[in-house]
Amino acid sequence: MSYIVKYSNTPYYGLNLNYHLLPYLIKADDFRFDLYLTGKFGGHYIFSSENYAPENGNIFDYKIGCGISFYLWKHIGFFTEIGLANFSNLNYNAFTYFSKKTLINSNYGLTFKF
């Protein structure tokens, strides 16, 4: 079933925890790789009338998985994560709503360490 989704403010919140494994195995000050376990728990709050989205209010999301980082410079690098996630996916471009699903999820991007 498809619903029309109205653009609105949707605050996201959550807690992200990364447990780094390589410092226990490799003792180096300037090691360029990082391997870690990741866990995320949070959600978002949808402000919408009943005519626009099937769910209003709070929606919880979570993800558990692992990640790897490679630092090109001392403090800046790239990361990728993969894990099992349960989340709601609002697709504003197609004006459709997909219900909560548990599936494999991946993220990638820039990382900074200090």
PDB file of N, CA and C in Angstrom:
ATOM      1  N   MET A   1       0.837  -1.172   0.000  1.00  0.00           N
ATOM      2  CA  MET A   1       0.000   0.000   0.000  1.00  0.00           C
ATOM      3  C   MET A   1       0.883   1.236   0.000  1.00  0.00           C
ATOM      4  N   SER A   2       0.562   2.212  -0.796  1.00  0.00           N
ATOM      5  CA  SER A   2       1.344   3.443  -0.896  1.00  0.00           C
ATOM      6  C   SER A   2       0.625   4.585  -0.195  1.00  0.00           C
ATOM      7  N   TYR A   3       1.412   5.470   0.359  1.00  0.00           N
ATOM      8  CA  TYR A   3       0.898   6.655   1.023  1.00  0.00           C
ATOM      9  C   TYR A   3       1.637   7.861   0.487  1.00  0.00           C
ATOM     10  N   ILE A   4       0.972   8.973   0.434  1.00  0.00           N
ATOM     11  CA  ILE A   4       1.640  10.220   0.090  1.00  0.00           C
ATOM     12  C   ILE A   4       2.293  10.746   1.365  1.00  0.00           C
ATOM     13  N   VAL A   5       3.552  11.108   1.263  1.00  0.00           N
ATOM     14  CA  VAL A   5       4.293  11.585   2.423  1.00  0.00           C
ATOM     15  C   VAL A   5       4.525  13.069   2.285  1.00  0.00           C
ATOM     16  N   LYS A   6       4.103  13.819   3.264  1.00  0.00           N
ATOM     17  CA  LYS A   6       4.288  15.266   3.272  1.00  0.00           C
ATOM     18  C   LYS A   6       5.645  15.580   3.893  1.00  0.00           C
ATOM     19  N   TYR A   7       6.372  16.516   3.294  1.00  0.00           N
ATOM     20  CA  TYR A   7       7.643  16.930   3.865  1.00  0.00           C
ATOM     21  C   TYR A   7       7.384  17.635   5.188  1.00  0.00           C
ATOM     22  N   SER A   8       8.108  17.247   6.213  1.00  0.00           N
ATOM     23  CA  SER A   8       7.954  17.857   7.520  1.00  0.00           C
ATOM     24  C   SER A   8       9.251  17.709   8.300  1.00  0.00           C
ATOM     25  N   ASN A   9       9.342  18.407   9.400  1.00  0.00           N
ATOM     26  CA  ASN A   9      10.508  18.266  10.260  1.00  0.00           C
ATOM     27  C   ASN A   9      10.462  16.907  10.940  1.00  0.00           C
ATOM     28  N   THR A  10      11.555  16.173  10.843  1.00  0.00           N
ATOM     29  CA  THR A  10      11.655  14.862  11.466  1.00  0.00           C
ATOM     30  C   THR A  10      12.946  14.805  12.266  1.00  0.00           C
ATOM     31  N   PRO A  11      12.870  14.989  13.573  1.00  0.00           N
ATOM     32  CA  PRO A  11      14.098  14.906  14.372  1.00  0.00           C
ATOM     33  C   PRO A  11      14.558  13.460  14.524  1.00  0.00           C
ATOM     34  N   TYR A  12      15.853  13.233  14.314  1.00  0.00           N
ATOM     35  CA  TYR A  12      16.479  11.934  14.516  1.00  0.00           C
ATOM     36  C   TYR A  12      17.313  11.996  15.789  1.00  0.00           C
ATOM     37  N   TYR A  13      17.376  10.900  16.510  1.00  0.00           N
ATOM     38  CA  TYR A  13      18.158  10.843  17.735  1.00  0.00           C
ATOM     39  C   TYR A  13      18.724   9.435  17.871  1.00  0.00           C
ATOM     40  N   GLY A  14      19.748   9.300  18.682  1.00  0.00           N
ATOM     41  CA  GLY A  14      20.263   7.964  18.887  1.00  0.00           C
ATOM     42  C   GLY A  14      21.595   7.925  19.591  1.00  0.00           C
ATOM     43  N   LEU A  15      22.038   6.717  19.838  1.00  0.00           N
ATOM     44  CA  LEU A  15      23.296   6.438  20.497  1.00  0.00           C
ATOM     45  C   LEU A  15      24.073   5.490  19.600  1.00  0.00           C
ATOM     46  N   ASN A  16      25.338   5.809  19.369  1.00  0.00           N
ATOM     47  CA  ASN A  16      26.205   4.993  18.529  1.00  0.00           C
ATOM     48  C   ASN A  16      27.409   4.581  19.358  1.00  0.00           C
ATOM     49  N   LEU A  17      27.738   3.290  19.343  1.00  0.00           N
ATOM     50  CA  LEU A  17      28.867   2.784  20.106  1.00  0.00           C
ATOM     51  C   LEU A  17      29.752   1.966  19.180  1.00  0.00           C
ATOM     52  N   ASN A  18      31.038   2.303  19.143  1.00  0.00           N
ATOM     53  CA  ASN A  18      32.023   1.542  18.376  1.00  0.00           C
ATOM     54  C   ASN A  18      33.044   0.964  19.350  1.00  0.00           C
ATOM     55  N   TYR A  19      33.269  -0.343  19.289  1.00  0.00           N
ATOM     56  CA  TYR A  19      34.247  -1.018  20.131  1.00  0.00           C
ATOM     57  C   TYR A  19      35.417  -1.434  19.249  1.00  0.00           C
ATOM     58  N   HIS A  20      36.539  -0.762  19.412  1.00  0.00           N
ATOM     59  CA  HIS A  20      37.710  -0.947  18.550  1.00  0.00           C
ATOM     60  C   HIS A  20      38.516  -2.162  18.996  1.00  0.00           C
ATOM     61  N   LEU A  21      38.789  -3.066  18.055  1.00  0.00           N
ATOM     62  CA  LEU A  21      39.447  -4.330  18.348  1.00  0.00           C
ATOM     63  C   LEU A  21      40.951  -4.318  18.113  1.00  0.00           C
ATOM     64  N   LEU A  22      41.439  -3.596  17.122  1.00  0.00           N
ATOM     65  CA  LEU A  22      42.853  -3.666  16.754  1.00  0.00           C
ATOM     66  C   LEU A  22      43.810  -3.131  17.811  1.00  0.00           C
ATOM     67  N   PRO A  23      43.452  -2.157  18.646  1.00  0.00           N
ATOM     68  CA  PRO A  23      44.420  -1.730  19.666  1.00  0.00           C
ATOM     69  C   PRO A  23      44.829  -2.852  20.631  1.00  0.00           C
ATOM     70  N   TYR A  24      44.014  -3.884  20.769  1.00  0.00           N
ATOM     71  CA  TYR A  24      44.383  -5.025  21.613  1.00  0.00           C
ATOM     72  C   TYR A  24      45.393  -5.944  20.918  1.00  0.00           C
ATOM     73  N   LEU A  25      45.406  -5.919  19.601  1.00  0.00           N
ATOM     74  CA  LEU A  25      46.271  -6.823  18.844  1.00  0.00           C
ATOM     75  C   LEU A  25      47.542  -6.161  18.338  1.00  0.00           C
ATOM     76  N   ILE A  26      47.468  -4.889  17.967  1.00  0.00           N
ATOM     77  CA  ILE A  26      48.602  -4.183  17.360  1.00  0.00           C
ATOM     78  C   ILE A  26      48.903  -2.935  18.178  1.00  0.00           C
ATOM     79  N   LYS A  27      50.128  -2.842  18.654  1.00  0.00           N
ATOM     80  CA  LYS A  27      50.549  -1.682  19.444  1.00  0.00           C
ATOM     81  C   LYS A  27      51.392  -0.769  18.557  1.00  0.00           C
ATOM     82  N   ALA A  28      50.736   0.149  17.849  1.00  0.00           N
ATOM     83  CA  ALA A  28      51.433   1.105  16.985  1.00  0.00           C
ATOM     84  C   ALA A  28      50.768   2.470  17.139  1.00  0.00           C
ATOM     85  N   ASP A  29      51.571   3.525  17.172  1.00  0.00           N
ATOM     86  CA  ASP A  29      51.020   4.869  17.332  1.00  0.00           C
ATOM     87  C   ASP A  29      50.364   5.395  16.064  1.00  0.00           C
ATOM     88  N   ASP A  30      50.883   5.013  14.905  1.00  0.00           N
ATOM     89  CA  ASP A  30      50.384   5.558  13.641  1.00  0.00           C
ATOM     90  C   ASP A  30      49.906   4.437  12.719  1.00  0.00           C
ATOM     91  N   PHE A  31      49.019   3.585  13.220  1.00  0.00           N
ATOM     92  CA  PHE A  31      48.482   2.489  12.417  1.00  0.00           C
ATOM     93  C   PHE A  31      47.326   3.019  11.588  1.00  0.00           C
ATOM     94  N   ARG A  32      47.287   2.728  10.296  1.00  0.00           N
ATOM     95  CA  ARG A  32      46.322   3.340   9.380  1.00  0.00           C
ATOM     96  C   ARG A  32      44.994   2.584   9.283  1.00  0.00           C
ATOM     97  N   PHE A  33      44.906   1.383   9.798  1.00  0.00           N
ATOM     98  CA  PHE A  33      43.674   0.595   9.721  1.00  0.00           C
ATOM     99  C   PHE A  33      42.995   0.553  11.079  1.00  0.00           C
ATOM    100  N   ASP A  34      41.700   0.363  11.053  1.00  0.00           N
ATOM    101  CA  ASP A  34      40.933   0.216  12.287  1.00  0.00           C
ATOM    102  C   ASP A  34      39.799  -0.768  12.022  1.00  0.00           C
ATOM    103  N   LEU A  35      39.597  -1.694  12.922  1.00  0.00           N
ATOM    104  CA  LEU A  35      38.526  -2.681  12.840  1.00  0.00           C
ATOM    105  C   LEU A  35      37.696  -2.566  14.119  1.00  0.00           C
ATOM    106  N   TYR A  36      36.376  -2.533  13.991  1.00  0.00           N
ATOM    107  CA  TYR A  36      35.544  -2.310  15.174  1.00  0.00           C
ATOM    108  C   TYR A  36      34.174  -2.957  15.026  1.00  0.00           C
ATOM    109  N   LEU A  37      33.568  -3.219  16.186  1.00  0.00           N
ATOM    110  CA  LEU A  37      32.175  -3.648  16.257  1.00  0.00           C
ATOM    111  C   LEU A  37      31.333  -2.400  16.492  1.00  0.00           C
ATOM    112  N   THR A  38      30.166  -2.335  15.896  1.00  0.00           N
ATOM    113  CA  THR A  38      29.337  -1.143  16.024  1.00  0.00           C
ATOM    114  C   THR A  38      27.912  -1.516  16.440  1.00  0.00           C
ATOM    115  N   GLY A  39      27.342  -0.656  17.228  1.00  0.00           N
ATOM    116  CA  GLY A  39      25.958  -0.801  17.640  1.00  0.00           C
ATOM    117  C   GLY A  39      25.285   0.560  17.642  1.00  0.00           C
ATOM    118  N   LYS A  40      24.095   0.619  17.125  1.00  0.00           N
ATOM    119  CA  LYS A  40      23.349   1.875  17.063  1.00  0.00           C
ATOM    120  C   LYS A  40      21.922   1.637  17.537  1.00  0.00           C
ATOM    121  N   PHE A  41      21.437   2.537  18.356  1.00  0.00           N
ATOM    122  CA  PHE A  41      20.053   2.477  18.800  1.00  0.00           C
ATOM    123  C   PHE A  41      19.515   3.900  18.821  1.00  0.00           C
ATOM    124  N   GLY A  42      18.361   4.093  18.261  1.00  0.00           N
ATOM    125  CA  GLY A  42      17.782   5.429  18.218  1.00  0.00           C
ATOM    126  C   GLY A  42      16.442   5.394  17.528  1.00  0.00           C
ATOM    127  N   GLY A  43      16.162   6.448  16.819  1.00  0.00           N
ATOM    128  CA  GLY A  43      14.902   6.514  16.108  1.00  0.00           C
ATOM    129  C   GLY A  43      14.647   7.898  15.562  1.00  0.00           C
ATOM    130  N   HIS A  44      13.412   8.112  15.207  1.00  0.00           N
ATOM    131  CA  HIS A  44      12.996   9.421  14.718  1.00  0.00           C
ATOM    132  C   HIS A  44      11.523   9.621  15.057  1.00  0.00           C
ATOM    133  N   TYR A  45      11.121  10.852  15.011  1.00  0.00           N
ATOM    134  CA  TYR A  45       9.748  11.210  15.363  1.00  0.00           C
ATOM    135  C   TYR A  45       9.095  11.846  14.145  1.00  0.00           C
ATOM    136  N   ILE A  46       7.989  11.277  13.684  1.00  0.00           N
ATOM    137  CA  ILE A  46       7.303  11.777  12.487  1.00  0.00           C
ATOM    138  C   ILE A  46       6.152  12.677  12.900  1.00  0.00           C
ATOM    139  N   PHE A  47       6.174  13.893  12.367  1.00  0.00           N
ATOM    140  CA  PHE A  47       5.068  14.834  12.551  1.00  0.00           C
ATOM    141  C   PHE A  47       4.284  14.847  11.245  1.00  0.00           C
ATOM    142  N   SER A  48       3.157  14.172  11.190  1.00  0.00           N
ATOM    143  CA  SER A  48       2.375  14.107   9.966  1.00  0.00           C
ATOM    144  C   SER A  48       0.928  13.803  10.322  1.00  0.00           C
ATOM    145  N   SER A  49       0.026  14.261   9.478  1.00  0.00           N
ATOM    146  CA  SER A  49      -1.380  13.937   9.710  1.00  0.00           C
ATOM    147  C   SER A  49      -1.654  12.522   9.209  1.00  0.00           C
ATOM    148  N   GLU A  50      -2.779  11.956   9.582  1.00  0.00           N
ATOM    149  CA  GLU A  50      -3.107  10.581   9.206  1.00  0.00           C
ATOM    150  C   GLU A  50      -3.239  10.403   7.706  1.00  0.00           C
ATOM    151  N   ASN A  51      -3.534  11.443   6.988  1.00  0.00           N
ATOM    152  CA  ASN A  51      -3.708  11.338   5.537  1.00  0.00           C
ATOM    153  C   ASN A  51      -2.389  11.217   4.789  1.00  0.00           C
ATOM    154  N   TYR A  52      -1.274  11.504   5.460  1.00  0.00           N
ATOM    155  CA  TYR A  52      -0.002  11.539   4.753  1.00  0.00           C
ATOM    156  C   TYR A  52       0.913  10.362   5.040  1.00  0.00           C
ATOM    157  N   ALA A  53       0.889   9.779   6.208  1.00  0.00           N
ATOM    158  CA  ALA A  53       1.782   8.668   6.528  1.00  0.00           C
ATOM    159  C   ALA A  53       1.065   7.691   7.455  1.00  0.00           C
ATOM    160  N   PRO A  54       1.346   6.408   7.331  1.00  0.00           N
ATOM    161  CA  PRO A  54       0.661   5.420   8.151  1.00  0.00           C
ATOM    162  C   PRO A  54       1.102   5.429   9.608  1.00  0.00           C
ATOM    163  N   GLU A  55       2.312   5.891   9.896  1.00  0.00           N
ATOM    164  CA  GLU A  55       2.798   5.926  11.267  1.00  0.00           C
ATOM    165  C   GLU A  55       3.120   7.355  11.654  1.00  0.00           C
ATOM    166  N   ASN A  56       2.604   7.790  12.767  1.00  0.00           N
ATOM    167  CA  ASN A  56       2.956   9.075  13.346  1.00  0.00           C
ATOM    168  C   ASN A  56       3.614   8.814  14.676  1.00  0.00           C
ATOM    169  N   GLY A  57       4.403   9.764  15.121  1.00  0.00           N
ATOM    170  CA  GLY A  57       5.024   9.621  16.423  1.00  0.00           C
ATOM    171  C   GLY A  57       6.392   8.986  16.344  1.00  0.00           C
ATOM    172  N   ASN A  58       6.756   8.314  17.416  1.00  0.00           N
ATOM    173  CA  ASN A  58       8.093   7.782  17.582  1.00  0.00           C
ATOM    174  C   ASN A  58       8.266   6.445  16.871  1.00  0.00           C
ATOM    175  N   ILE A  59       9.397   6.275  16.169  1.00  0.00           N
ATOM    176  CA  ILE A  59       9.741   5.018  15.512  1.00  0.00           C
ATOM    177  C   ILE A  59      11.175   4.674  15.905  1.00  0.00           C
ATOM    178  N   PHE A  60      11.386   3.503  16.521  1.00  0.00           N
ATOM    179  CA  PHE A  60      12.715   3.083  16.956  1.00  0.00           C
ATOM    180  C   PHE A  60      13.458   2.372  15.835  1.00  0.00           C
ATOM    181  N   ASP A  61      14.770   2.587  15.779  1.00  0.00           N
ATOM    182  CA  ASP A  61      15.656   1.935  14.824  1.00  0.00           C
ATOM    183  C   ASP A  61      16.841   1.355  15.583  1.00  0.00           C
ATOM    184  N   TYR A  62      17.446   0.282  15.053  1.00  0.00           N
ATOM    185  CA  TYR A  62      18.688  -0.217  15.629  1.00  0.00           C
ATOM    186  C   TYR A  62      19.533  -0.870  14.546  1.00  0.00           C
ATOM    187  N   LYS A  63      20.821  -1.020  14.844  1.00  0.00           N
ATOM    188  CA  LYS A  63      21.743  -1.682  13.933  1.00  0.00           C
ATOM    189  C   LYS A  63      22.877  -2.287  14.742  1.00  0.00           C
ATOM    190  N   ILE A  64      23.281  -3.521  14.415  1.00  0.00           N
ATOM    191  CA  ILE A  64      24.468  -4.140  14.981  1.00  0.00           C
ATOM    192  C   ILE A  64      25.307  -4.657  13.824  1.00  0.00           C
ATOM    193  N   GLY A  65      26.628  -4.494  13.931  1.00  0.00           N
ATOM    194  CA  GLY A  65      27.476  -4.920  12.830  1.00  0.00           C
ATOM    195  C   GLY A  65      28.940  -4.685  13.121  1.00  0.00           C
ATOM    196  N   CYS A  66      29.724  -4.553  12.057  1.00  0.00           N
ATOM    197  CA  CYS A  66      31.154  -4.314  12.182  1.00  0.00           C
ATOM    198  C   CYS A  66      31.575  -3.296  11.126  1.00  0.00           C
ATOM    199  N   GLY A  67      32.737  -2.720  11.342  1.00  0.00           N
ATOM    200  CA  GLY A  67      33.230  -1.720  10.419  1.00  0.00           C
ATOM    201  C   GLY A  67      34.738  -1.754  10.308  1.00  0.00           C
ATOM    202  N   ILE A  68      35.228  -1.119   9.265  1.00  0.00           N
ATOM    203  CA  ILE A  68      36.662  -1.001   9.032  1.00  0.00           C
ATOM    204  C   ILE A  68      36.947   0.417   8.538  1.00  0.00           C
ATOM    205  N   SER A  69      38.058   0.957   8.982  1.00  0.00           N
ATOM    206  CA  SER A  69      38.469   2.300   8.565  1.00  0.00           C
ATOM    207  C   SER A  69      39.886   2.255   8.020  1.00  0.00           C
ATOM    208  N   PHE A  70      40.170   3.122   7.080  1.00  0.00           N
ATOM    209  CA  PHE A  70      41.520   3.306   6.562  1.00  0.00           C
ATOM    210  C   PHE A  70      41.813   4.803   6.563  1.00  0.00           C
ATOM    211  N   TYR A  71      42.871   5.196   7.250  1.00  0.00           N
ATOM    212  CA  TYR A  71      43.234   6.607   7.387  1.00  0.00           C
ATOM    213  C   TYR A  71      44.325   6.962   6.394  1.00  0.00           C
ATOM    214  N   LEU A  72      43.992   7.855   5.460  1.00  0.00           N
ATOM    215  CA  LEU A  72      44.981   8.336   4.490  1.00  0.00           C
ATOM    216  C   LEU A  72      45.959   9.296   5.155  1.00  0.00           C
ATOM    217  N   TRP A  73      45.458  10.087   6.077  1.00  0.00           N
ATOM    218  CA  TRP A  73      46.267  11.023   6.838  1.00  0.00           C
ATOM    219  C   TRP A  73      46.164  10.649   8.306  1.00  0.00           C
ATOM    220  N   LYS A  74      46.787  11.420   9.174  1.00  0.00           N
ATOM    221  CA  LYS A  74      46.808  11.072  10.595  1.00  0.00           C
ATOM    222  C   LYS A  74      45.417  11.097  11.229  1.00  0.00           C
ATOM    223  N   HIS A  75      44.556  12.016  10.820  1.00  0.00           N
ATOM    224  CA  HIS A  75      43.252  12.175  11.456  1.00  0.00           C
ATOM    225  C   HIS A  75      42.061  12.006  10.517  1.00  0.00           C
ATOM    226  N   ILE A  76      42.270  11.815   9.226  1.00  0.00           N
ATOM    227  CA  ILE A  76      41.168  11.757   8.253  1.00  0.00           C
ATOM    228  C   ILE A  76      41.292  10.480   7.423  1.00  0.00           C
ATOM    229  N   GLY A  77      40.166   9.789   7.266  1.00  0.00           N
ATOM    230  CA  GLY A  77      40.173   8.573   6.479  1.00  0.00           C
ATOM    231  C   GLY A  77      38.792   8.220   5.968  1.00  0.00           C
ATOM    232  N   PHE A  78      38.668   6.990   5.505  1.00  0.00           N
ATOM    233  CA  PHE A  78      37.412   6.471   4.974  1.00  0.00           C
ATOM    234  C   PHE A  78      36.967   5.280   5.823  1.00  0.00           C
ATOM    235  N   PHE A  79      35.665   5.072   5.905  1.00  0.00           N
ATOM    236  CA  PHE A  79      35.142   3.931   6.650  1.00  0.00           C
ATOM    237  C   PHE A  79      34.028   3.266   5.872  1.00  0.00           C
ATOM    238  N   THR A  80      33.788   2.010   6.199  1.00  0.00           N
ATOM    239  CA  THR A  80      32.627   1.289   5.707  1.00  0.00           C
ATOM    240  C   THR A  80      32.140   0.373   6.826  1.00  0.00           C
ATOM    241  N   GLU A  81      30.835   0.254   6.952  1.00  0.00           N
ATOM    242  CA  GLU A  81      30.212  -0.583   7.977  1.00  0.00           C
ATOM    243  C   GLU A  81      29.158  -1.462   7.329  1.00  0.00           C
ATOM    244  N   ILE A  82      28.975  -2.630   7.891  1.00  0.00           N
ATOM    245  CA  ILE A  82      27.915  -3.523   7.434  1.00  0.00           C
ATOM    246  C   ILE A  82      27.302  -4.180   8.671  1.00  0.00           C
ATOM    247  N   GLY A  83      26.004  -4.391   8.627  1.00  0.00           N
ATOM    248  CA  GLY A  83      25.364  -4.993   9.788  1.00  0.00           C
ATOM    249  C   GLY A  83      23.907  -5.286   9.552  1.00  0.00           C
ATOM    250  N   LEU A  84      23.289  -5.848  10.569  1.00  0.00           N
ATOM    251  CA  LEU A  84      21.865  -6.134  10.557  1.00  0.00           C
ATOM    252  C   LEU A  84      21.136  -4.938  11.134  1.00  0.00           C
ATOM    253  N   ALA A  85      20.132  -4.458  10.445  1.00  0.00           N
ATOM    254  CA  ALA A  85      19.432  -3.251  10.882  1.00  0.00           C
ATOM    255  C   ALA A  85      17.926  -3.458  10.800  1.00  0.00           C
ATOM    256  N   ASN A  86      17.226  -2.774  11.675  1.00  0.00           N
ATOM    257  CA  ASN A  86      15.770  -2.740  11.660  1.00  0.00           C
ATOM    258  C   ASN A  86      15.388  -1.268  11.670  1.00  0.00           C
ATOM    259  N   PHE A  87      14.825  -0.801  10.587  1.00  0.00           N
ATOM    260  CA  PHE A  87      14.522   0.621  10.490  1.00  0.00           C
ATOM    261  C   PHE A  87      13.355   0.848   9.551  1.00  0.00           C
ATOM    262  N   SER A  88      12.795   2.040   9.633  1.00  0.00           N
ATOM    263  CA  SER A  88      11.743   2.459   8.712  1.00  0.00           C
ATOM    264  C   SER A  88      12.388   3.243   7.598  1.00  0.00           C
ATOM    265  N   ASN A  89      11.933   3.062   6.400  1.00  0.00           N
ATOM    266  CA  ASN A  89      12.499   3.754   5.256  1.00  0.00           C
ATOM    267  C   ASN A  89      11.418   4.611   4.616  1.00  0.00           C
ATOM    268  N   LEU A  90      11.531   5.906   4.781  1.00  0.00           N
ATOM    269  CA  LEU A  90      10.617   6.820   4.105  1.00  0.00           C
ATOM    270  C   LEU A  90      11.268   7.260   2.806  1.00  0.00           C
ATOM    271  N   ASN A  91      10.672   6.952   1.692  1.00  0.00           N
ATOM    272  CA  ASN A  91      11.218   7.306   0.390  1.00  0.00           C
ATOM    273  C   ASN A  91      10.415   8.477  -0.153  1.00  0.00           C
ATOM    274  N   TYR A  92      10.932   9.681   0.039  1.00  0.00           N
ATOM    275  CA  TYR A  92      10.186  10.877  -0.351  1.00  0.00           C
ATOM    276  C   TYR A  92      10.123  11.061  -1.866  1.00  0.00           C
ATOM    277  N   ASN A  93      11.115  10.569  -2.588  1.00  0.00           N
ATOM    278  CA  ASN A  93      11.121  10.764  -4.037  1.00  0.00           C
ATOM    279  C   ASN A  93      10.036   9.937  -4.719  1.00  0.00           C
ATOM    280  N   ALA A  94       9.798   8.741  -4.229  1.00  0.00           N
ATOM    281  CA  ALA A  94       8.796   7.875  -4.855  1.00  0.00           C
ATOM    282  C   ALA A  94       7.431   8.018  -4.194  1.00  0.00           C
ATOM    283  N   PHE A  95       7.351   8.816  -3.119  1.00  0.00           N
ATOM    284  CA  PHE A  95       6.102   9.022  -2.393  1.00  0.00           C
ATOM    285  C   PHE A  95       5.499   7.708  -1.919  1.00  0.00           C
ATOM    286  N   THR A  96       6.355   6.808  -1.482  1.00  0.00           N
ATOM    287  CA  THR A  96       5.866   5.549  -0.930  1.00  0.00           C
ATOM    288  C   THR A  96       6.463   5.339   0.440  1.00  0.00           C
ATOM    289  N   TYR A  97       5.851   4.493   1.194  1.00  0.00           N
ATOM    290  CA  TYR A  97       6.296   4.195   2.550  1.00  0.00           C
ATOM    291  C   TYR A  97       6.525   2.698   2.672  1.00  0.00           C
ATOM    292  N   PHE A  98       7.698   2.307   3.132  1.00  0.00           N
ATOM    293  CA  PHE A  98       7.996   0.903   3.354  1.00  0.00           C
ATOM    294  C   PHE A  98       8.032   0.658   4.852  1.00  0.00           C
ATOM    295  N   SER A  99       7.390  -0.377   5.308  1.00  0.00           N
ATOM    296  CA  SER A  99       7.307  -0.648   6.742  1.00  0.00           C
ATOM    297  C   SER A  99       8.653  -1.132   7.278  1.00  0.00           C
ATOM    298  N   LYS A 100       8.706  -1.331   8.594  1.00  0.00           N
ATOM    299  CA  LYS A 100       9.943  -1.763   9.236  1.00  0.00           C
ATOM    300  C   LYS A 100      10.397  -3.102   8.674  1.00  0.00           C
ATOM    301  N   LYS A 101      11.701  -3.215   8.459  1.00  0.00           N
ATOM    302  CA  LYS A 101      12.281  -4.433   7.928  1.00  0.00           C
ATOM    303  C   LYS A 101      13.605  -4.682   8.639  1.00  0.00           C
ATOM    304  N   THR A 102      13.954  -5.935   8.814  1.00  0.00           N
ATOM    305  CA  THR A 102      15.283  -6.296   9.287  1.00  0.00           C
ATOM    306  C   THR A 102      16.057  -6.782   8.082  1.00  0.00           C
ATOM    307  N   LEU A 103      17.171  -6.143   7.797  1.00  0.00           N
ATOM    308  CA  LEU A 103      17.934  -6.487   6.621  1.00  0.00           C
ATOM    309  C   LEU A 103      19.379  -6.062   6.774  1.00  0.00           C
ATOM    310  N   ILE A 104      20.186  -6.475   5.825  1.00  0.00           N
ATOM    311  CA  ILE A 104      21.595  -6.094   5.804  1.00  0.00           C
ATOM    312  C   ILE A 104      21.677  -4.634   5.373  1.00  0.00           C
ATOM    313  N   ASN A 105      22.422  -3.852   6.142  1.00  0.00           N
ATOM    314  CA  ASN A 105      22.560  -2.426   5.878  1.00  0.00           C
ATOM    315  C   ASN A 105      24.038  -2.081   5.819  1.00  0.00           C
ATOM    316  N   SER A 106      24.428  -1.183   4.938  1.00  0.00           N
ATOM    317  CA  SER A 106      25.822  -0.754   4.858  1.00  0.00           C
ATOM    318  C   SER A 106      25.899   0.764   4.836  1.00  0.00           C
ATOM    319  N   ASN A 107      26.954   1.275   5.428  1.00  0.00           N
ATOM    320  CA  ASN A 107      27.251   2.709   5.442  1.00  0.00           C
ATOM    321  C   ASN A 107      28.697   2.898   5.023  1.00  0.00           C
ATOM    322  N   TYR A 108      28.989   4.044   4.449  1.00  0.00           N
ATOM    323  CA  TYR A 108      30.364   4.382   4.110  1.00  0.00           C
ATOM    324  C   TYR A 108      30.505   5.892   4.127  1.00  0.00           C
ATOM    325  N   GLY A 109      31.731   6.355   4.268  1.00  0.00           N
ATOM    326  CA  GLY A 109      31.939   7.794   4.280  1.00  0.00           C
ATOM    327  C   GLY A 109      33.297   8.177   4.838  1.00  0.00           C
ATOM    328  N   LEU A 110      33.406   9.429   5.239  1.00  0.00           N
ATOM    329  CA  LEU A 110      34.637   9.967   5.826  1.00  0.00           C
ATOM    330  C   LEU A 110      34.613   9.775   7.332  1.00  0.00           C
ATOM    331  N   THR A 111      35.774   9.582   7.909  1.00  0.00           N
ATOM    332  CA  THR A 111      35.893   9.476   9.360  1.00  0.00           C
ATOM    333  C   THR A 111      37.019  10.378   9.843  1.00  0.00           C
ATOM    334  N   PHE A 112      36.839  10.909  11.033  1.00  0.00           N
ATOM    335  CA  PHE A 112      37.820  11.788  11.664  1.00  0.00           C
ATOM    336  C   PHE A 112      38.139  11.241  13.038  1.00  0.00           C
ATOM    337  N   LYS A 113      39.407  11.221  13.404  1.00  0.00           N
ATOM    338  CA  LYS A 113      39.777  10.789  14.754  1.00  0.00           C
ATOM    339  C   LYS A 113      40.704  11.834  15.367  1.00  0.00           C
ATOM    340  N   PHE A 114      40.516  12.035  16.664  1.00  0.00           N
ATOM    341  CA  PHE A 114      41.323  13.017  17.387  1.00  0.00           C
ATOM    342  C   PHE A 114      41.715  12.492  18.733  1.00  0.00           C
TER     343      PHE A 114
END
